[in-house]
Amino acid sequence: MVTMQRKPARYVALVAVIGVLVFIIVKRQSLPESVSQYWYEPAPLRYMSKLEVDVYISERMIRPLKGETFSPVIKQFLKAKGKKPPGRDTQITAANLVKERDTMLTKKEQEAVEQCKHTAGKDRSRDRGRFFNKDTEGIRRTHHTYLNENSLMMEVGGNWGWDAGNFTKLYNPRYIIMEPLQPYVDILEKKFENKRNINVYNLGLGAKNESIMVKIEGNNACATSKFSGKGGNVPIFIVDATSFMTSLGVGTFDVDLLTMNCEGCEYEALENLLSSNIIERFKNVQWATHSLLDGMRDPIGRYCRITALLSRTHRPTYQYKFNWESWRRKDIK
C-alpha cells in the first residue's frame, strides 16, 4: 500500500521537475522585457590592450550590417536623396573633411560661462520642476516635427527602445541607435527586427575608443554609467565620437537629429564633436545633461563651456537648463 502511494508522488515530482525545466528553456529563449530579467553572465574583469579594444569596436561596427559593407540605413538615406551608394571612399572623404576647430573661448564667451556657472543651482532647480512633469517631459519626442521617413536620426543610449519606439511611431525616420549594454542591444534588435530603417550598434559614444567595466545601476539598468558605475564587472565599449560619425560618412551629408541620453556620455561626446567642424553637420542636437551624476568631473563648468561653444553654430529651440535641451543649427529656421 505504501509502495502504491509512493509511485503517484514520484510521478508528480517528475512532472514538476519537467515543468520547471521547460519553463527555464522557454524563459531563456523568450525576449526579456528588461535587463534584470536577462540571463547575463558578464565577462571577467581583465586588462585589454588598445589593439584589442579597437578590434572589439570594429566587430561591433560590423555587427548590425548583416553582411553588408556599409550601413543599410545610410544607404537608404542617401538613395532617397539621389546620391551615389556609400562605400570606403565615403568614409575617407568624410574623415578628410574633418578640420580642427578653435575651442579657445573669447572674452564674451568666457563671461557667458561664468554667468552660467553662477546661476547654475537656481537654473537647474527651476527647470527640473518645469521639465519633469507629464505635460512637458514628452517634448524630447514631440518637439521634432521636422522629421519624416526620409530624415536621418541618431540616438545615443537606446536603452530598451522607449524613445526609439515613440520616434518611429511619430516620424519613422532612418534611425541609428547606439547602446553599449549587450542585453539592451538584444532587446532592441528583437524589438525592431522587422524595421529595415533601423540599425543598432553595440557601442557607447565618447571621447576615445575604450573599454570600461561598469556596475549595473538603476531600475532595469537604466542608470548604468561609465562614471558613477565605474569599477564593476560588466564590459562596455565606447567609440571615439568623430571617428564613429565619419565611419558612417557624416561630413559628406548632414544628420537631421542627434539625441543623447547616455548617463553622462553626452559631455565627452559633445566635447569631442565640438573640437572640429563636424559639429556643423548636425542640424539638431538634443541632450540630457545628467549634471548631478556621481563621478562626473566638473559637470557645471563643462555644461557651461559646451553651451558656449555650441552657441557658435546652433541656437536652443527648447532649453531646460541642466536637465534637457535641444539646439538647432543657425542657418535652419
C-alpha atoms as a PDB file:
ATOM      1  CA  MET A   1       0.000   0.000   0.000  1.00  0.00           C
ATOM      2  CA  VAL A   2       2.819   2.354   0.913  1.00  0.00           C
ATOM      3  CA  THR A   3       4.601   1.455  -2.342  1.00  0.00           C
ATOM      4  CA  MET A   4       1.460   2.237  -4.377  1.00  0.00           C
ATOM      5  CA  GLN A   5       1.183   5.663  -2.683  1.00  0.00           C
ATOM      6  CA  ARG A   6       4.836   6.487  -3.403  1.00  0.00           C
ATOM      7  CA  LYS A   7       4.516   5.930  -7.173  1.00  0.00           C
ATOM      8  CA  PRO A   8       1.998   8.717  -7.765  1.00  0.00           C
ATOM      9  CA  ALA A   9       4.111  11.005  -5.596  1.00  0.00           C
ATOM     10  CA  ARG A  10       7.160  10.213  -7.723  1.00  0.00           C
ATOM     11  CA  TYR A  11       5.189  10.888 -10.913  1.00  0.00           C
ATOM     12  CA  VAL A  12       4.019  14.207  -9.534  1.00  0.00           C
ATOM     13  CA  ALA A  13       7.588  15.156  -8.607  1.00  0.00           C
ATOM     14  CA  LEU A  14       8.863  14.107 -12.050  1.00  0.00           C
ATOM     15  CA  VAL A  15       6.177  16.151 -13.812  1.00  0.00           C
ATOM     16  CA  ALA A  16       7.041  19.149 -11.617  1.00  0.00           C
ATOM     17  CA  VAL A  17      10.750  18.873 -12.470  1.00  0.00           C
ATOM     18  CA  ILE A  18       9.967  18.590 -16.193  1.00  0.00           C
ATOM     19  CA  GLY A  19       7.701  21.628 -15.908  1.00  0.00           C
ATOM     20  CA  VAL A  20      10.425  23.664 -14.270  1.00  0.00           C
ATOM     21  CA  LEU A  21      12.943  22.648 -16.965  1.00  0.00           C
ATOM     22  CA  VAL A  22      10.519  23.570 -19.750  1.00  0.00           C
ATOM     23  CA  PHE A  23       9.894  26.945 -18.083  1.00  0.00           C
ATOM     24  CA  ILE A  24      13.631  27.651 -17.858  1.00  0.00           C
ATOM     25  CA  ILE A  25      14.194  26.727 -21.506  1.00  0.00           C
ATOM     26  CA  VAL A  26      11.304  28.906 -22.686  1.00  0.00           C
ATOM     27  CA  LYS A  27      12.471  31.729 -20.429  1.00  0.00           C
ATOM     28  CA  ARG A  28      15.946  31.624 -21.934  1.00  0.00           C
ATOM     29  CA  GLN A  29      14.593  31.679 -25.477  1.00  0.00           C
ATOM     30  CA  SER A  30      11.965  34.366 -24.977  1.00  0.00           C
ATOM     31  CA  LEU A  31      12.619  38.072 -25.317  1.00  0.00           C
ATOM     32  CA  PRO A  32      13.421  39.716 -21.985  1.00  0.00           C
ATOM     33  CA  GLU A  33      11.453  42.841 -21.205  1.00  0.00           C
ATOM     34  CA  SER A  34      14.224  44.239 -19.045  1.00  0.00           C
ATOM     35  CA  VAL A  35      17.883  43.752 -18.292  1.00  0.00           C
ATOM     36  CA  SER A  36      17.036  42.454 -14.828  1.00  0.00           C
ATOM     37  CA  GLN A  37      15.250  39.504 -16.452  1.00  0.00           C
ATOM     38  CA  TYR A  38      18.155  38.759 -18.754  1.00  0.00           C
ATOM     39  CA  TRP A  39      20.347  35.651 -18.325  1.00  0.00           C
ATOM     40  CA  TYR A  40      23.514  37.719 -18.378  1.00  0.00           C
ATOM     41  CA  GLU A  41      26.930  36.401 -17.451  1.00  0.00           C
ATOM     42  CA  PRO A  42      29.348  39.344 -17.735  1.00  0.00           C
ATOM     43  CA  ALA A  43      32.901  38.763 -18.849  1.00  0.00           C
ATOM     44  CA  PRO A  44      35.572  38.523 -16.148  1.00  0.00           C
ATOM     45  CA  LEU A  45      37.438  41.703 -15.355  1.00  0.00           C
ATOM     46  CA  ARG A  46      40.715  41.837 -17.268  1.00  0.00           C
ATOM     47  CA  TYR A  47      43.045  44.307 -18.890  1.00  0.00           C
ATOM     48  CA  MET A  48      42.579  44.917 -22.614  1.00  0.00           C
ATOM     49  CA  SER A  49      45.242  46.440 -24.826  1.00  0.00           C
ATOM     50  CA  LYS A  50      44.379  49.334 -27.137  1.00  0.00           C
ATOM     51  CA  LEU A  51      44.626  46.967 -30.103  1.00  0.00           C
ATOM     52  CA  GLU A  52      42.144  44.544 -28.526  1.00  0.00           C
ATOM     53  CA  VAL A  53      39.734  47.384 -27.774  1.00  0.00           C
ATOM     54  CA  ASP A  54      39.945  48.615 -31.363  1.00  0.00           C
ATOM     55  CA  VAL A  55      39.294  45.083 -32.664  1.00  0.00           C
ATOM     56  CA  TYR A  56      36.230  44.658 -30.426  1.00  0.00           C
ATOM     57  CA  ILE A  57      34.895  48.041 -31.537  1.00  0.00           C
ATOM     58  CA  SER A  58      35.453  47.124 -35.201  1.00  0.00           C
ATOM     59  CA  GLU A  59      33.455  43.930 -34.656  1.00  0.00           C
ATOM     60  CA  ARG A  60      30.604  45.937 -33.166  1.00  0.00           C
ATOM     61  CA  MET A  61      30.681  48.324 -36.111  1.00  0.00           C
ATOM     62  CA  ILE A  62      30.152  45.403 -38.492  1.00  0.00           C
ATOM     63  CA  ARG A  63      27.509  43.515 -36.492  1.00  0.00           C
ATOM     64  CA  PRO A  64      24.385  45.489 -37.499  1.00  0.00           C
ATOM     65  CA  LEU A  65      25.289  45.428 -41.206  1.00  0.00           C
ATOM     66  CA  LYS A  66      24.349  41.726 -41.564  1.00  0.00           C
ATOM     67  CA  GLY A  67      26.917  41.007 -44.242  1.00  0.00           C
ATOM     68  CA  GLU A  68      26.704  44.368 -45.999  1.00  0.00           C
ATOM     69  CA  THR A  69      29.759  46.572 -46.346  1.00  0.00           C
ATOM     70  CA  PHE A  70      28.033  49.779 -45.258  1.00  0.00           C
ATOM     71  CA  SER A  71      25.136  50.785 -43.019  1.00  0.00           C
ATOM     72  CA  PRO A  72      21.854  49.878 -44.763  1.00  0.00           C
ATOM     73  CA  VAL A  73      20.219  52.856 -43.066  1.00  0.00           C
ATOM     74  CA  ILE A  74      22.761  55.288 -44.519  1.00  0.00           C
ATOM     75  CA  LYS A  75      22.363  53.641 -47.930  1.00  0.00           C
ATOM     76  CA  GLN A  76      18.599  54.161 -47.781  1.00  0.00           C
ATOM     77  CA  PHE A  77      19.041  57.741 -46.618  1.00  0.00           C
ATOM     78  CA  LEU A  78      21.449  58.687 -49.423  1.00  0.00           C
ATOM     79  CA  LYS A  79      19.455  56.819 -52.069  1.00  0.00           C
ATOM     80  CA  ALA A  80      16.364  58.825 -51.134  1.00  0.00           C
ATOM     81  CA  LYS A  81      18.413  61.980 -51.721  1.00  0.00           C
ATOM     82  CA  GLY A  82      19.577  60.756 -55.127  1.00  0.00           C
ATOM     83  CA  LYS A  83      23.189  60.339 -54.020  1.00  0.00           C
ATOM     84  CA  LYS A  84      25.535  57.547 -55.075  1.00  0.00           C
ATOM     85  CA  PRO A  85      25.833  54.412 -52.905  1.00  0.00           C
ATOM     86  CA  PRO A  86      28.255  54.975 -49.996  1.00  0.00           C
ATOM     87  CA  GLY A  87      31.410  52.948 -49.538  1.00  0.00           C
ATOM     88  CA  ARG A  88      35.009  53.108 -48.382  1.00  0.00           C
ATOM     89  CA  ASP A  89      35.529  56.274 -50.431  1.00  0.00           C
ATOM     90  CA  THR A  90      32.690  57.925 -48.482  1.00  0.00           C
ATOM     91  CA  GLN A  91      34.447  57.191 -45.186  1.00  0.00           C
ATOM     92  CA  ILE A  92      37.778  58.500 -46.481  1.00  0.00           C
ATOM     93  CA  THR A  93      36.189  61.686 -47.829  1.00  0.00           C
ATOM     94  CA  ALA A  94      34.305  62.251 -44.561  1.00  0.00           C
ATOM     95  CA  ALA A  95      37.485  61.813 -42.490  1.00  0.00           C
ATOM     96  CA  ASN A  96      39.417  64.190 -44.750  1.00  0.00           C
ATOM     97  CA  LEU A  97      36.728  66.850 -44.383  1.00  0.00           C
ATOM     98  CA  VAL A  98      37.212  66.996 -40.598  1.00  0.00           C
ATOM     99  CA  LYS A  99      39.111  70.146 -39.620  1.00  0.00           C
ATOM    100  CA  GLU A 100      40.204  71.080 -36.126  1.00  0.00           C
ATOM    101  CA  ARG A 101      38.143  73.850 -34.575  1.00  0.00           C
ATOM    102  CA  ASP A 102      39.410  76.639 -32.350  1.00  0.00           C
ATOM    103  CA  THR A 103      37.875  75.904 -28.940  1.00  0.00           C
ATOM    104  CA  MET A 104      39.566  78.786 -27.112  1.00  0.00           C
ATOM    105  CA  LEU A 105      36.786  80.857 -25.590  1.00  0.00           C
ATOM    106  CA  THR A 106      36.503  84.522 -26.475  1.00  0.00           C
ATOM    107  CA  LYS A 107      36.193  87.096 -23.706  1.00  0.00           C
ATOM    108  CA  LYS A 108      32.439  87.330 -24.319  1.00  0.00           C
ATOM    109  CA  GLU A 109      32.081  83.524 -24.260  1.00  0.00           C
ATOM    110  CA  GLN A 110      34.085  83.283 -21.043  1.00  0.00           C
ATOM    111  CA  GLU A 111      31.834  85.864 -19.419  1.00  0.00           C
ATOM    112  CA  ALA A 112      28.816  83.832 -20.502  1.00  0.00           C
ATOM    113  CA  VAL A 113      30.375  80.705 -18.975  1.00  0.00           C
ATOM    114  CA  GLU A 114      30.988  82.456 -15.648  1.00  0.00           C
ATOM    115  CA  GLN A 115      27.420  83.759 -15.585  1.00  0.00           C
ATOM    116  CA  CYS A 116      26.138  80.272 -16.420  1.00  0.00           C
ATOM    117  CA  LYS A 117      28.103  78.763 -13.527  1.00  0.00           C
ATOM    118  CA  HIS A 118      26.962  81.499 -11.158  1.00  0.00           C
ATOM    119  CA  THR A 119      23.250  80.802 -11.737  1.00  0.00           C
ATOM    120  CA  ALA A 120      23.594  77.020 -12.256  1.00  0.00           C
ATOM    121  CA  GLY A 121      21.987  75.891  -8.998  1.00  0.00           C
ATOM    122  CA  LYS A 122      18.977  78.152  -9.380  1.00  0.00           C
ATOM    123  CA  ASP A 123      18.551  77.336 -13.080  1.00  0.00           C
ATOM    124  CA  ARG A 124      18.753  73.588 -12.550  1.00  0.00           C
ATOM    125  CA  SER A 125      16.266  73.569  -9.667  1.00  0.00           C
ATOM    126  CA  ARG A 126      13.782  75.803 -11.510  1.00  0.00           C
ATOM    127  CA  ASP A 127      13.960  73.936 -14.821  1.00  0.00           C
ATOM    128  CA  ARG A 128      13.863  70.463 -13.314  1.00  0.00           C
ATOM    129  CA  GLY A 129      10.387  71.129 -11.989  1.00  0.00           C
ATOM    130  CA  ARG A 130       9.339  72.666 -15.292  1.00  0.00           C
ATOM    131  CA  PHE A 131      10.587  69.742 -17.386  1.00  0.00           C
ATOM    132  CA  PHE A 132       9.844  66.621 -15.368  1.00  0.00           C
ATOM    133  CA  ASN A 133       6.062  66.593 -15.400  1.00  0.00           C
ATOM    134  CA  LYS A 134       3.544  64.720 -17.538  1.00  0.00           C
ATOM    135  CA  ASP A 135       2.756  67.768 -19.667  1.00  0.00           C
ATOM    136  CA  THR A 136       6.342  68.650 -20.587  1.00  0.00           C
ATOM    137  CA  GLU A 137       8.666  65.643 -20.457  1.00  0.00           C
ATOM    138  CA  GLY A 138       7.438  64.281 -23.799  1.00  0.00           C
ATOM    139  CA  ILE A 139       8.822  67.359 -25.572  1.00  0.00           C
ATOM    140  CA  ARG A 140      12.035  65.462 -26.287  1.00  0.00           C
ATOM    141  CA  ARG A 141       9.998  63.431 -28.784  1.00  0.00           C
ATOM    142  CA  THR A 142       7.107  65.670 -29.888  1.00  0.00           C
ATOM    143  CA  HIS A 143       9.334  68.711 -30.496  1.00  0.00           C
ATOM    144  CA  HIS A 144      10.918  67.292 -33.656  1.00  0.00           C
ATOM    145  CA  THR A 145       8.069  67.657 -36.138  1.00  0.00           C
ATOM    146  CA  TYR A 146      10.559  68.375 -38.948  1.00  0.00           C
ATOM    147  CA  LEU A 147      11.435  64.658 -39.007  1.00  0.00           C
ATOM    148  CA  ASN A 148       9.933  62.337 -41.627  1.00  0.00           C
ATOM    149  CA  GLU A 149      10.640  58.987 -43.272  1.00  0.00           C
ATOM    150  CA  ASN A 150      13.500  60.475 -45.299  1.00  0.00           C
ATOM    151  CA  SER A 151      15.238  62.063 -42.291  1.00  0.00           C
ATOM    152  CA  LEU A 152      18.327  60.634 -40.601  1.00  0.00           C
ATOM    153  CA  MET A 153      18.329  60.411 -36.827  1.00  0.00           C
ATOM    154  CA  MET A 154      20.881  59.080 -34.337  1.00  0.00           C
ATOM    155  CA  GLU A 155      20.101  58.117 -30.752  1.00  0.00           C
ATOM    156  CA  VAL A 156      22.873  57.567 -28.202  1.00  0.00           C
ATOM    157  CA  GLY A 157      21.694  55.498 -25.247  1.00  0.00           C
ATOM    158  CA  GLY A 158      18.951  53.387 -26.802  1.00  0.00           C
ATOM    159  CA  ASN A 159      18.095  51.561 -23.553  1.00  0.00           C
ATOM    160  CA  TRP A 160      15.202  49.168 -24.286  1.00  0.00           C
ATOM    161  CA  GLY A 161      13.745  51.331 -27.047  1.00  0.00           C
ATOM    162  CA  TRP A 162      11.115  53.507 -25.394  1.00  0.00           C
ATOM    163  CA  ASP A 163      12.197  56.685 -27.204  1.00  0.00           C
ATOM    164  CA  ALA A 164      13.041  54.816 -30.407  1.00  0.00           C
ATOM    165  CA  GLY A 165       9.580  53.253 -30.449  1.00  0.00           C
ATOM    166  CA  ASN A 166       7.957  56.657 -29.994  1.00  0.00           C
ATOM    167  CA  PHE A 167      10.119  58.411 -32.599  1.00  0.00           C
ATOM    168  CA  THR A 168       9.448  55.605 -35.069  1.00  0.00           C
ATOM    169  CA  LYS A 169       5.718  55.782 -34.462  1.00  0.00           C
ATOM    170  CA  LEU A 170       5.664  59.572 -34.790  1.00  0.00           C
ATOM    171  CA  TYR A 171       8.049  60.137 -37.720  1.00  0.00           C
ATOM    172  CA  ASN A 172       9.525  56.784 -38.879  1.00  0.00           C
ATOM    173  CA  PRO A 173      12.939  58.289 -39.775  1.00  0.00           C
ATOM    174  CA  ARG A 174      16.108  56.476 -40.865  1.00  0.00           C
ATOM    175  CA  TYR A 175      17.396  55.562 -37.432  1.00  0.00           C
ATOM    176  CA  ILE A 176      20.828  54.752 -35.951  1.00  0.00           C
ATOM    177  CA  ILE A 177      20.770  53.571 -32.311  1.00  0.00           C
ATOM    178  CA  MET A 178      23.843  53.259 -30.070  1.00  0.00           C
ATOM    179  CA  GLU A 179      23.617  51.167 -26.896  1.00  0.00           C
ATOM    180  CA  PRO A 180      26.671  49.767 -25.041  1.00  0.00           C
ATOM    181  CA  LEU A 181      24.889  47.181 -22.846  1.00  0.00           C
ATOM    182  CA  GLN A 182      24.599  43.846 -24.655  1.00  0.00           C
ATOM    183  CA  PRO A 183      21.245  42.801 -23.085  1.00  0.00           C
ATOM    184  CA  TYR A 184      19.636  46.031 -24.249  1.00  0.00           C
ATOM    185  CA  VAL A 185      21.062  45.531 -27.743  1.00  0.00           C
ATOM    186  CA  ASP A 186      19.416  42.101 -27.877  1.00  0.00           C
ATOM    187  CA  ILE A 187      16.116  43.660 -26.795  1.00  0.00           C
ATOM    188  CA  LEU A 188      16.415  46.451 -29.385  1.00  0.00           C
ATOM    189  CA  GLU A 189      17.312  44.072 -32.215  1.00  0.00           C
ATOM    190  CA  LYS A 190      14.353  41.871 -31.395  1.00  0.00           C
ATOM    191  CA  LYS A 191      12.008  44.819 -30.997  1.00  0.00           C
ATOM    192  CA  PHE A 192      12.951  46.322 -34.369  1.00  0.00           C
ATOM    193  CA  GLU A 193      13.818  43.144 -36.284  1.00  0.00           C
ATOM    194  CA  ASN A 194      11.242  43.959 -38.976  1.00  0.00           C
ATOM    195  CA  LYS A 195      12.361  47.574 -39.333  1.00  0.00           C
ATOM    196  CA  ARG A 196      14.857  47.889 -42.199  1.00  0.00           C
ATOM    197  CA  ASN A 197      15.292  51.596 -41.458  1.00  0.00           C
ATOM    198  CA  ILE A 198      16.892  50.951 -38.039  1.00  0.00           C
ATOM    199  CA  ASN A 199      20.493  49.883 -37.246  1.00  0.00           C
ATOM    200  CA  VAL A 200      21.573  49.107 -33.671  1.00  0.00           C
ATOM    201  CA  TYR A 201      25.234  49.473 -32.703  1.00  0.00           C
ATOM    202  CA  ASN A 202      26.516  47.775 -29.540  1.00  0.00           C
ATOM    203  CA  LEU A 203      28.659  50.781 -28.623  1.00  0.00           C
ATOM    204  CA  GLY A 204      28.682  53.883 -26.468  1.00  0.00           C
ATOM    205  CA  LEU A 205      29.814  57.289 -27.740  1.00  0.00           C
ATOM    206  CA  GLY A 206      32.618  59.259 -26.140  1.00  0.00           C
ATOM    207  CA  ALA A 207      35.981  60.968 -26.334  1.00  0.00           C
ATOM    208  CA  LYS A 208      38.046  57.964 -27.464  1.00  0.00           C
ATOM    209  CA  ASN A 209      37.998  54.238 -28.133  1.00  0.00           C
ATOM    210  CA  GLU A 210      37.995  52.455 -24.785  1.00  0.00           C
ATOM    211  CA  SER A 211      36.611  49.556 -22.784  1.00  0.00           C
ATOM    212  CA  ILE A 212      35.263  50.163 -19.273  1.00  0.00           C
ATOM    213  CA  MET A 213      33.962  47.774 -16.642  1.00  0.00           C
ATOM    214  CA  VAL A 214      30.801  49.153 -15.042  1.00  0.00           C
ATOM    215  CA  LYS A 215      28.224  48.237 -12.434  1.00  0.00           C
ATOM    216  CA  ILE A 216      24.607  47.700 -13.455  1.00  0.00           C
ATOM    217  CA  GLU A 217      22.682  50.524 -11.785  1.00  0.00           C
ATOM    218  CA  GLY A 218      19.142  51.839 -11.569  1.00  0.00           C
ATOM    219  CA  ASN A 219      15.776  50.328 -12.395  1.00  0.00           C
ATOM    220  CA  ASN A 220      16.423  47.707 -15.101  1.00  0.00           C
ATOM    221  CA  ALA A 221      19.960  49.102 -15.555  1.00  0.00           C
ATOM    222  CA  CYS A 222      18.639  52.423 -16.909  1.00  0.00           C
ATOM    223  CA  ALA A 223      21.155  54.402 -14.808  1.00  0.00           C
ATOM    224  CA  THR A 224      24.265  52.394 -15.708  1.00  0.00           C
ATOM    225  CA  SER A 225      27.098  54.858 -16.332  1.00  0.00           C
ATOM    226  CA  LYS A 226      30.825  54.766 -17.011  1.00  0.00           C
ATOM    227  CA  PHE A 227      31.160  57.485 -14.373  1.00  0.00           C
ATOM    228  CA  SER A 228      29.061  56.553 -11.362  1.00  0.00           C
ATOM    229  CA  GLY A 229      29.298  52.812 -12.004  1.00  0.00           C
ATOM    230  CA  LYS A 230      32.959  52.525 -12.879  1.00  0.00           C
ATOM    231  CA  GLY A 231      34.761  49.504 -11.468  1.00  0.00           C
ATOM    232  CA  GLY A 232      32.081  46.848 -11.899  1.00  0.00           C
ATOM    233  CA  ASN A 233      32.245  43.581 -13.815  1.00  0.00           C
ATOM    234  CA  VAL A 234      30.170  44.374 -16.921  1.00  0.00           C
ATOM    235  CA  PRO A 235      32.181  45.434 -20.005  1.00  0.00           C
ATOM    236  CA  ILE A 236      31.067  48.243 -22.269  1.00  0.00           C
ATOM    237  CA  PHE A 237      32.851  49.535 -25.351  1.00  0.00           C
ATOM    238  CA  ILE A 238      32.974  53.216 -26.235  1.00  0.00           C
ATOM    239  CA  VAL A 239      33.939  54.638 -29.610  1.00  0.00           C
ATOM    240  CA  ASP A 240      35.521  57.997 -30.464  1.00  0.00           C
ATOM    241  CA  ALA A 241      32.558  60.182 -31.466  1.00  0.00           C
ATOM    242  CA  THR A 242      34.132  61.800 -34.522  1.00  0.00           C
ATOM    243  CA  SER A 243      35.563  58.518 -35.804  1.00  0.00           C
ATOM    244  CA  PHE A 244      32.187  56.826 -35.467  1.00  0.00           C
ATOM    245  CA  MET A 245      30.476  59.606 -37.401  1.00  0.00           C
ATOM    246  CA  THR A 246      32.978  59.637 -40.260  1.00  0.00           C
ATOM    247  CA  SER A 247      32.836  55.836 -40.479  1.00  0.00           C
ATOM    248  CA  LEU A 248      29.169  56.312 -41.378  1.00  0.00           C
ATOM    249  CA  GLY A 249      30.053  59.072 -43.824  1.00  0.00           C
ATOM    250  CA  VAL A 250      28.842  62.010 -41.717  1.00  0.00           C
ATOM    251  CA  GLY A 251      30.620  65.017 -43.127  1.00  0.00           C
ATOM    252  CA  THR A 252      29.601  64.171 -46.677  1.00  0.00           C
ATOM    253  CA  PHE A 253      25.981  64.627 -45.561  1.00  0.00           C
ATOM    254  CA  ASP A 254      24.045  66.115 -42.627  1.00  0.00           C
ATOM    255  CA  VAL A 255      22.253  64.368 -39.754  1.00  0.00           C
ATOM    256  CA  ASP A 256      18.787  65.723 -39.010  1.00  0.00           C
ATOM    257  CA  LEU A 257      18.842  64.914 -35.289  1.00  0.00           C
ATOM    258  CA  LEU A 258      21.413  63.650 -32.814  1.00  0.00           C
ATOM    259  CA  THR A 259      19.731  62.875 -29.482  1.00  0.00           C
ATOM    260  CA  MET A 260      21.697  61.726 -26.438  1.00  0.00           C
ATOM    261  CA  ASN A 261      20.537  60.284 -23.145  1.00  0.00           C
ATOM    262  CA  CYS A 262      23.501  58.193 -22.042  1.00  0.00           C
ATOM    263  CA  GLU A 263      24.163  58.837 -18.358  1.00  0.00           C
ATOM    264  CA  GLY A 264      26.959  61.355 -18.736  1.00  0.00           C
ATOM    265  CA  CYS A 265      28.478  60.326 -22.057  1.00  0.00           C
ATOM    266  CA  GLU A 266      26.863  63.453 -23.511  1.00  0.00           C
ATOM    267  CA  TYR A 267      29.709  65.579 -22.132  1.00  0.00           C
ATOM    268  CA  GLU A 268      32.550  63.606 -23.691  1.00  0.00           C
ATOM    269  CA  ALA A 269      30.698  63.068 -26.959  1.00  0.00           C
ATOM    270  CA  LEU A 270      29.828  66.755 -27.380  1.00  0.00           C
ATOM    271  CA  GLU A 271      33.292  67.933 -26.383  1.00  0.00           C
ATOM    272  CA  ASN A 272      34.713  65.584 -28.994  1.00  0.00           C
ATOM    273  CA  LEU A 273      32.333  66.720 -31.741  1.00  0.00           C
ATOM    274  CA  LEU A 274      32.762  70.403 -30.843  1.00  0.00           C
ATOM    275  CA  SER A 275      36.524  70.131 -31.276  1.00  0.00           C
ATOM    276  CA  SER A 276      36.109  70.004 -35.058  1.00  0.00           C
ATOM    277  CA  ASN A 277      33.851  71.269 -37.815  1.00  0.00           C
ATOM    278  CA  ILE A 278      31.888  68.010 -37.814  1.00  0.00           C
ATOM    279  CA  ILE A 279      29.528  69.579 -35.263  1.00  0.00           C
ATOM    280  CA  GLU A 280      28.230  71.680 -38.165  1.00  0.00           C
ATOM    281  CA  ARG A 281      26.870  68.548 -39.863  1.00  0.00           C
ATOM    282  CA  PHE A 282      24.195  68.058 -37.188  1.00  0.00           C
ATOM    283  CA  LYS A 283      21.086  70.060 -37.909  1.00  0.00           C
ATOM    284  CA  ASN A 284      19.668  69.435 -34.428  1.00  0.00           C
ATOM    285  CA  VAL A 285      21.373  68.292 -31.235  1.00  0.00           C
ATOM    286  CA  GLN A 286      19.320  67.204 -28.229  1.00  0.00           C
ATOM    287  CA  TRP A 287      20.724  66.012 -24.927  1.00  0.00           C
ATOM    288  CA  ALA A 288      20.029  65.151 -21.314  1.00  0.00           C
ATOM    289  CA  THR A 289      22.640  66.808 -19.125  1.00  0.00           C
ATOM    290  CA  HIS A 290      22.916  64.492 -16.078  1.00  0.00           C
ATOM    291  CA  SER A 291      24.621  67.311 -14.220  1.00  0.00           C
ATOM    292  CA  LEU A 292      24.193  65.635 -10.799  1.00  0.00           C
ATOM    293  CA  LEU A 293      25.792  62.330 -11.801  1.00  0.00           C
ATOM    294  CA  ASP A 294      28.238  60.861  -9.269  1.00  0.00           C
ATOM    295  CA  GLY A 295      31.758  60.544 -10.622  1.00  0.00           C
ATOM    296  CA  MET A 296      31.317  63.213 -13.276  1.00  0.00           C
ATOM    297  CA  ARG A 297      34.175  65.717 -13.379  1.00  0.00           C
ATOM    298  CA  ASP A 298      33.023  69.366 -13.173  1.00  0.00           C
ATOM    299  CA  PRO A 299      29.606  68.912 -14.847  1.00  0.00           C
ATOM    300  CA  ILE A 300      28.610  72.545 -14.249  1.00  0.00           C
ATOM    301  CA  GLY A 301      31.729  74.058 -15.790  1.00  0.00           C
ATOM    302  CA  ARG A 302      31.667  71.616 -18.698  1.00  0.00           C
ATOM    303  CA  TYR A 303      27.981  72.198 -19.392  1.00  0.00           C
ATOM    304  CA  CYS A 304      28.524  75.946 -19.485  1.00  0.00           C
ATOM    305  CA  ARG A 305      31.533  75.617 -21.789  1.00  0.00           C
ATOM    306  CA  ILE A 306      29.723  73.194 -24.112  1.00  0.00           C
ATOM    307  CA  THR A 307      26.760  75.545 -24.487  1.00  0.00           C
ATOM    308  CA  ALA A 308      29.114  78.463 -25.143  1.00  0.00           C
ATOM    309  CA  LEU A 309      30.880  76.562 -27.939  1.00  0.00           C
ATOM    310  CA  LEU A 310      27.639  75.165 -29.335  1.00  0.00           C
ATOM    311  CA  SER A 311      26.256  78.718 -29.479  1.00  0.00           C
ATOM    312  CA  ARG A 312      28.709  79.490 -32.279  1.00  0.00           C
ATOM    313  CA  THR A 313      26.803  77.289 -34.724  1.00  0.00           C
ATOM    314  CA  HIS A 314      23.470  76.403 -33.048  1.00  0.00           C
ATOM    315  CA  ARG A 315      20.709  78.029 -31.008  1.00  0.00           C
ATOM    316  CA  PRO A 316      18.364  76.450 -28.437  1.00  0.00           C
ATOM    317  CA  THR A 317      14.852  75.594 -29.631  1.00  0.00           C
ATOM    318  CA  TYR A 318      13.864  74.461 -26.141  1.00  0.00           C
ATOM    319  CA  GLN A 319      16.045  74.574 -23.057  1.00  0.00           C
ATOM    320  CA  TYR A 320      15.533  73.361 -19.506  1.00  0.00           C
ATOM    321  CA  LYS A 321      18.991  74.166 -18.237  1.00  0.00           C
ATOM    322  CA  PHE A 322      20.976  71.317 -16.672  1.00  0.00           C
ATOM    323  CA  ASN A 323      18.104  68.950 -17.483  1.00  0.00           C
ATOM    324  CA  TRP A 324      17.110  68.559 -21.162  1.00  0.00           C
ATOM    325  CA  GLU A 325      17.506  70.786 -24.189  1.00  0.00           C
ATOM    326  CA  SER A 326      17.612  70.829 -27.990  1.00  0.00           C
ATOM    327  CA  TRP A 327      19.691  73.058 -30.283  1.00  0.00           C
ATOM    328  CA  ARG A 328      19.218  73.827 -33.998  1.00  0.00           C
ATOM    329  CA  ARG A 329      21.825  74.933 -36.491  1.00  0.00           C
ATOM    330  CA  LYS A 330      21.555  78.678 -37.020  1.00  0.00           C
ATOM    331  CA  ASP A 331      21.078  78.502 -40.788  1.00  0.00           C
ATOM    332  CA  ILE A 332      17.871  76.462 -40.329  1.00  0.00           C
ATOM    333  CA  LYS A 333      14.587  78.096 -39.317  1.00  0.00           C
END
